[in-house]
Amino acid sequence: MTITPDQTLDASGLACPMPIIKTKKAVDALQVGQVLKLIATDPGSVSDVSAWTGKTGHELLGHEEIDGKHIFYIKKAK
């Protein structure tokens, strides 16, 4: 993916709900329009991140899985 993130959060090794809690804190610190790259190893993060962005209004720009790591790009909407 050719998205350039403004910040990267590595939540590898963390289990639910910690990746989402840390993601919320990281996104809160961004300016509107900035992008967070989230790296997570918890398989549940795929549905969790999708549900969280849908609920909060932030935009999930993309998701890919590389070597067992889920990589998400989240754009702060508000």
N, C-alpha and C. Protein backbone atom coordinates (compact mmCIF):
# COMPACT_ATOMS: atom_id res chain seq x y z
N MET A 1 0.85 -1.19 0.00
CA MET A 1 0.00 0.00 0.00
C MET A 1 0.89 1.24 0.00
N THR A 2 0.48 2.27 -0.69
CA THR A 2 1.31 3.46 -0.80
C THR A 2 0.71 4.63 -0.02
N ILE A 3 0.32 4.37 1.20
CA ILE A 3 -0.20 5.42 2.07
C ILE A 3 0.93 5.83 3.00
N THR A 4 1.16 7.11 3.12
CA THR A 4 2.21 7.61 4.00
C THR A 4 1.58 8.03 5.32
N PRO A 5 1.85 7.27 6.40
CA PRO A 5 1.24 7.61 7.69
C PRO A 5 1.96 8.77 8.37
N ASP A 6 1.22 9.48 9.20
CA ASP A 6 1.80 10.55 10.01
C ASP A 6 2.35 10.00 11.31
N GLN A 7 1.83 8.86 11.74
CA GLN A 7 2.26 8.21 12.97
C GLN A 7 2.06 6.71 12.83
N THR A 8 2.91 5.93 13.50
CA THR A 8 2.79 4.47 13.50
C THR A 8 2.63 3.99 14.93
N LEU A 9 1.68 3.08 15.13
CA LEU A 9 1.45 2.46 16.43
C LEU A 9 1.64 0.96 16.26
N ASP A 10 2.60 0.40 16.99
CA ASP A 10 2.83 -1.04 16.94
C ASP A 10 2.18 -1.67 18.15
N ALA A 11 1.06 -2.34 17.93
CA ALA A 11 0.32 -3.02 19.00
C ALA A 11 0.52 -4.53 18.91
N SER A 12 1.62 -4.95 18.32
CA SER A 12 1.93 -6.38 18.19
C SER A 12 2.00 -7.03 19.57
N GLY A 13 1.40 -8.22 19.67
CA GLY A 13 1.45 -8.96 20.92
C GLY A 13 0.36 -8.59 21.91
N LEU A 14 -0.38 -7.54 21.63
CA LEU A 14 -1.45 -7.12 22.53
C LEU A 14 -2.76 -7.79 22.14
N ALA A 15 -3.54 -8.17 23.14
CA ALA A 15 -4.84 -8.80 22.89
C ALA A 15 -5.95 -7.80 23.14
N CYS A 16 -7.11 -8.10 22.58
CA CYS A 16 -8.30 -7.28 22.74
C CYS A 16 -8.55 -7.02 24.23
N PRO A 17 -8.86 -5.82 24.64
CA PRO A 17 -9.18 -4.63 23.84
C PRO A 17 -8.01 -3.66 23.68
N MET A 18 -6.81 -4.03 24.09
CA MET A 18 -5.69 -3.09 24.11
C MET A 18 -5.35 -2.45 22.76
N PRO A 19 -5.36 -3.18 21.63
CA PRO A 19 -5.07 -2.48 20.37
C PRO A 19 -6.03 -1.33 20.08
N ILE A 20 -7.30 -1.51 20.41
CA ILE A 20 -8.29 -0.45 20.15
C ILE A 20 -8.10 0.71 21.15
N ILE A 21 -7.83 0.39 22.40
CA ILE A 21 -7.60 1.45 23.40
C ILE A 21 -6.40 2.30 23.00
N LYS A 22 -5.31 1.66 22.60
CA LYS A 22 -4.12 2.39 22.18
C LYS A 22 -4.36 3.14 20.87
N THR A 23 -5.16 2.56 19.97
CA THR A 23 -5.50 3.24 18.73
C THR A 23 -6.28 4.50 18.99
N LYS A 24 -7.26 4.43 19.89
CA LYS A 24 -8.05 5.61 20.23
C LYS A 24 -7.17 6.73 20.74
N LYS A 25 -6.25 6.41 21.65
CA LYS A 25 -5.34 7.44 22.19
C LYS A 25 -4.47 8.03 21.10
N ALA A 26 -3.97 7.19 20.20
CA ALA A 26 -3.10 7.67 19.13
C ALA A 26 -3.87 8.55 18.15
N VAL A 27 -5.07 8.14 17.79
CA VAL A 27 -5.89 8.94 16.85
C VAL A 27 -6.29 10.26 17.50
N ASP A 28 -6.61 10.23 18.78
CA ASP A 28 -6.98 11.47 19.48
C ASP A 28 -5.86 12.50 19.41
N ALA A 29 -4.61 12.04 19.37
CA ALA A 29 -3.46 12.95 19.36
C ALA A 29 -3.16 13.51 17.96
N LEU A 30 -3.78 12.93 16.93
CA LEU A 30 -3.56 13.40 15.56
C LEU A 30 -4.42 14.62 15.24
N GLN A 31 -4.02 15.33 14.19
CA GLN A 31 -4.83 16.41 13.65
C GLN A 31 -5.80 15.80 12.63
N VAL A 32 -6.94 16.45 12.42
CA VAL A 32 -7.91 15.99 11.43
C VAL A 32 -7.21 15.84 10.08
N GLY A 33 -7.43 14.70 9.42
CA GLY A 33 -6.84 14.44 8.12
C GLY A 33 -5.54 13.66 8.18
N GLN A 34 -4.94 13.56 9.36
CA GLN A 34 -3.71 12.79 9.49
C GLN A 34 -4.02 11.29 9.53
N VAL A 35 -3.01 10.48 9.24
CA VAL A 35 -3.19 9.04 9.11
C VAL A 35 -2.33 8.29 10.13
N LEU A 36 -2.97 7.33 10.79
CA LEU A 36 -2.29 6.44 11.72
C LEU A 36 -2.10 5.08 11.05
N LYS A 37 -0.89 4.56 11.14
CA LYS A 37 -0.62 3.19 10.71
C LYS A 37 -0.62 2.34 11.98
N LEU A 38 -1.50 1.37 12.04
CA LEU A 38 -1.61 0.48 13.19
C LEU A 38 -1.14 -0.91 12.78
N ILE A 39 -0.23 -1.47 13.58
CA ILE A 39 0.25 -2.83 13.36
C ILE A 39 -0.25 -3.67 14.53
N ALA A 40 -0.96 -4.74 14.24
CA ALA A 40 -1.52 -5.60 15.28
C ALA A 40 -1.36 -7.07 14.88
N THR A 41 -1.21 -7.93 15.88
CA THR A 41 -1.10 -9.36 15.62
C THR A 41 -2.36 -10.12 16.05
N ASP A 42 -3.22 -9.49 16.83
CA ASP A 42 -4.45 -10.12 17.30
C ASP A 42 -5.41 -10.28 16.11
N PRO A 43 -5.80 -11.53 15.77
CA PRO A 43 -6.71 -11.73 14.63
C PRO A 43 -8.04 -11.00 14.81
N GLY A 44 -8.46 -10.80 16.05
CA GLY A 44 -9.71 -10.09 16.32
C GLY A 44 -9.64 -8.62 15.97
N SER A 45 -8.43 -8.10 15.76
CA SER A 45 -8.29 -6.68 15.45
C SER A 45 -8.93 -6.34 14.11
N VAL A 46 -9.04 -7.30 13.21
CA VAL A 46 -9.65 -7.02 11.90
C VAL A 46 -11.09 -6.55 12.08
N SER A 47 -11.87 -7.30 12.82
CA SER A 47 -13.27 -6.89 13.04
C SER A 47 -13.35 -5.73 14.02
N ASP A 48 -12.46 -5.69 15.01
CA ASP A 48 -12.49 -4.61 16.00
C ASP A 48 -12.21 -3.25 15.38
N VAL A 49 -11.18 -3.17 14.55
CA VAL A 49 -10.82 -1.89 13.93
C VAL A 49 -11.93 -1.44 12.97
N SER A 50 -12.47 -2.38 12.22
CA SER A 50 -13.56 -2.04 11.30
C SER A 50 -14.77 -1.51 12.06
N ALA A 51 -15.14 -2.17 13.15
CA ALA A 51 -16.27 -1.72 13.96
C ALA A 51 -15.98 -0.38 14.61
N TRP A 52 -14.77 -0.20 15.12
CA TRP A 52 -14.41 1.04 15.82
C TRP A 52 -14.42 2.23 14.87
N THR A 53 -13.85 2.06 13.66
CA THR A 53 -13.86 3.19 12.71
C THR A 53 -15.29 3.50 12.27
N GLY A 54 -16.10 2.47 12.10
CA GLY A 54 -17.50 2.71 11.73
C GLY A 54 -18.26 3.46 12.79
N LYS A 55 -17.98 3.15 14.05
CA LYS A 55 -18.67 3.79 15.17
C LYS A 55 -18.18 5.22 15.40
N THR A 56 -16.89 5.46 15.20
CA THR A 56 -16.32 6.78 15.52
C THR A 56 -16.33 7.74 14.35
N GLY A 57 -16.50 7.22 13.13
CA GLY A 57 -16.52 8.09 11.97
C GLY A 57 -15.16 8.30 11.32
N HIS A 58 -14.10 7.72 11.92
CA HIS A 58 -12.79 7.81 11.30
C HIS A 58 -12.79 6.88 10.08
N GLU A 59 -11.89 7.16 9.14
CA GLU A 59 -11.91 6.42 7.88
C GLU A 59 -10.82 5.35 7.84
N LEU A 60 -11.23 4.12 7.61
CA LEU A 60 -10.29 3.02 7.43
C LEU A 60 -9.87 3.03 5.96
N LEU A 61 -8.67 3.52 5.72
CA LEU A 61 -8.19 3.68 4.35
C LEU A 61 -7.77 2.36 3.73
N GLY A 62 -7.32 1.44 4.58
CA GLY A 62 -6.88 0.16 4.05
C GLY A 62 -6.44 -0.79 5.13
N HIS A 63 -6.36 -2.05 4.77
CA HIS A 63 -5.91 -3.12 5.66
C HIS A 63 -5.17 -4.14 4.82
N GLU A 64 -4.04 -4.59 5.34
CA GLU A 64 -3.32 -5.67 4.68
C GLU A 64 -2.73 -6.57 5.75
N GLU A 65 -2.48 -7.81 5.37
CA GLU A 65 -1.86 -8.76 6.29
C GLU A 65 -0.54 -9.19 5.70
N ILE A 66 0.53 -9.01 6.47
CA ILE A 66 1.87 -9.37 6.02
C ILE A 66 2.54 -10.18 7.13
N ASP A 67 2.90 -11.40 6.84
CA ASP A 67 3.60 -12.27 7.81
C ASP A 67 2.90 -12.34 9.16
N GLY A 68 1.58 -12.49 9.14
CA GLY A 68 0.82 -12.63 10.38
C GLY A 68 0.54 -11.33 11.11
N LYS A 69 0.96 -10.22 10.53
CA LYS A 69 0.68 -8.91 11.13
C LYS A 69 -0.38 -8.20 10.32
N HIS A 70 -1.35 -7.65 11.02
CA HIS A 70 -2.41 -6.87 10.37
C HIS A 70 -1.98 -5.41 10.41
N ILE A 71 -2.01 -4.79 9.24
CA ILE A 71 -1.60 -3.39 9.14
C ILE A 71 -2.81 -2.60 8.66
N PHE A 72 -3.17 -1.60 9.45
CA PHE A 72 -4.33 -0.77 9.16
C PHE A 72 -3.88 0.67 8.97
N TYR A 73 -4.56 1.39 8.09
CA TYR A 73 -4.35 2.81 7.89
C TYR A 73 -5.65 3.53 8.22
N ILE A 74 -5.60 4.36 9.24
CA ILE A 74 -6.80 5.03 9.74
C ILE A 74 -6.63 6.53 9.63
N LYS A 75 -7.56 7.18 8.94
CA LYS A 75 -7.51 8.64 8.77
C LYS A 75 -8.45 9.29 9.78
N LYS A 76 -7.92 10.24 10.54
CA LYS A 76 -8.73 10.94 11.53
C LYS A 76 -9.73 11.85 10.82
N ALA A 77 -11.00 11.69 11.18
CA ALA A 77 -12.06 12.42 10.50
C ALA A 77 -12.53 13.66 11.26
N LYS A 78 -12.46 13.62 12.59
CA LYS A 78 -12.98 14.77 13.35
C LYS A 78 -12.23 14.92 14.64
